[in-house]
Amino acid sequence: MSNQIFAGAPAPDDDPIEAAGQVQARTASIDSLLDEIDSVLETNAEAFVQGFVQKGGQ
């Protein structure tokens, strides 16, 4: 049998506390981004949406 290492499986020397800190940092970053989007939508939702509308079938 061959030994397989899966990408999602933590290595034995990984520090679970460090990994938890990375998850919290990522969550905080996502929350910050969502707050920024909410702020833009509160001030000018139409302009925000127009940035995603294709013109001329492009």
Protein backbone atom coordinates (compact mmCIF):
# COMPACT_ATOMS: atom_id res chain seq x y z
CA MET A 1 0.00 0.00 0.00
CA SER A 2 1.14 3.51 -0.67
CA ASN A 3 1.03 6.32 1.85
CA GLN A 4 -1.31 9.11 0.82
CA ILE A 5 -1.44 12.61 2.23
CA PHE A 6 -4.69 14.48 1.80
CA ALA A 7 -4.69 18.26 1.44
CA GLY A 8 -7.40 18.74 4.06
CA ALA A 9 -5.76 16.57 6.69
CA PRO A 10 -3.48 18.42 9.12
CA ALA A 11 0.10 17.23 9.41
CA PRO A 12 1.04 15.77 12.80
CA ASP A 13 3.29 18.74 13.57
CA ASP A 14 0.58 21.37 12.82
CA ASP A 15 -0.32 23.57 15.79
CA PRO A 16 -4.13 23.54 16.28
CA ILE A 17 -4.01 26.82 18.22
CA GLU A 18 -2.21 28.56 15.35
CA ALA A 19 -4.77 27.16 12.89
CA ALA A 20 -7.62 28.47 15.05
CA GLY A 21 -6.02 31.92 15.02
CA GLN A 22 -5.82 31.85 11.23
CA VAL A 23 -9.51 30.95 11.01
CA GLN A 24 -10.43 33.83 13.34
CA ALA A 25 -8.30 36.26 11.30
CA ARG A 26 -9.94 35.10 8.06
CA THR A 27 -13.41 35.43 9.62
CA ALA A 28 -12.62 38.97 10.78
CA SER A 29 -11.40 39.85 7.29
CA ILE A 30 -14.58 38.51 5.69
CA ASP A 31 -16.75 40.37 8.22
CA SER A 32 -14.89 43.59 7.43
CA LEU A 33 -15.44 43.11 3.70
CA LEU A 34 -19.14 42.43 4.19
CA ASP A 35 -19.46 45.55 6.35
CA GLU A 36 -17.84 47.60 3.59
CA ILE A 37 -20.24 46.18 0.98
CA ASP A 38 -23.21 46.95 3.26
CA SER A 39 -21.99 50.52 3.63
CA VAL A 40 -21.75 50.99 -0.14
CA LEU A 41 -25.19 49.49 -0.66
CA GLU A 42 -26.71 51.78 1.96
CA THR A 43 -25.38 54.88 0.22
CA ASN A 44 -25.83 54.02 -3.46
CA ALA A 45 -27.12 50.54 -4.29
CA GLU A 46 -28.02 51.40 -7.88
CA ALA A 47 -24.48 52.49 -8.78
CA PHE A 48 -23.07 49.35 -7.15
CA VAL A 49 -25.36 47.09 -9.19
CA GLN A 50 -24.67 49.00 -12.42
CA GLY A 51 -21.00 48.05 -12.03
CA PHE A 52 -21.97 44.43 -12.65
CA VAL A 53 -24.46 44.93 -15.50
CA GLN A 54 -23.17 44.02 -18.96
CA LYS A 55 -23.74 46.57 -21.68
CA GLY A 56 -24.15 45.71 -25.32
CA GLY A 57 -24.03 41.96 -24.73
CA GLN A 58 -20.36 42.02 -23.79
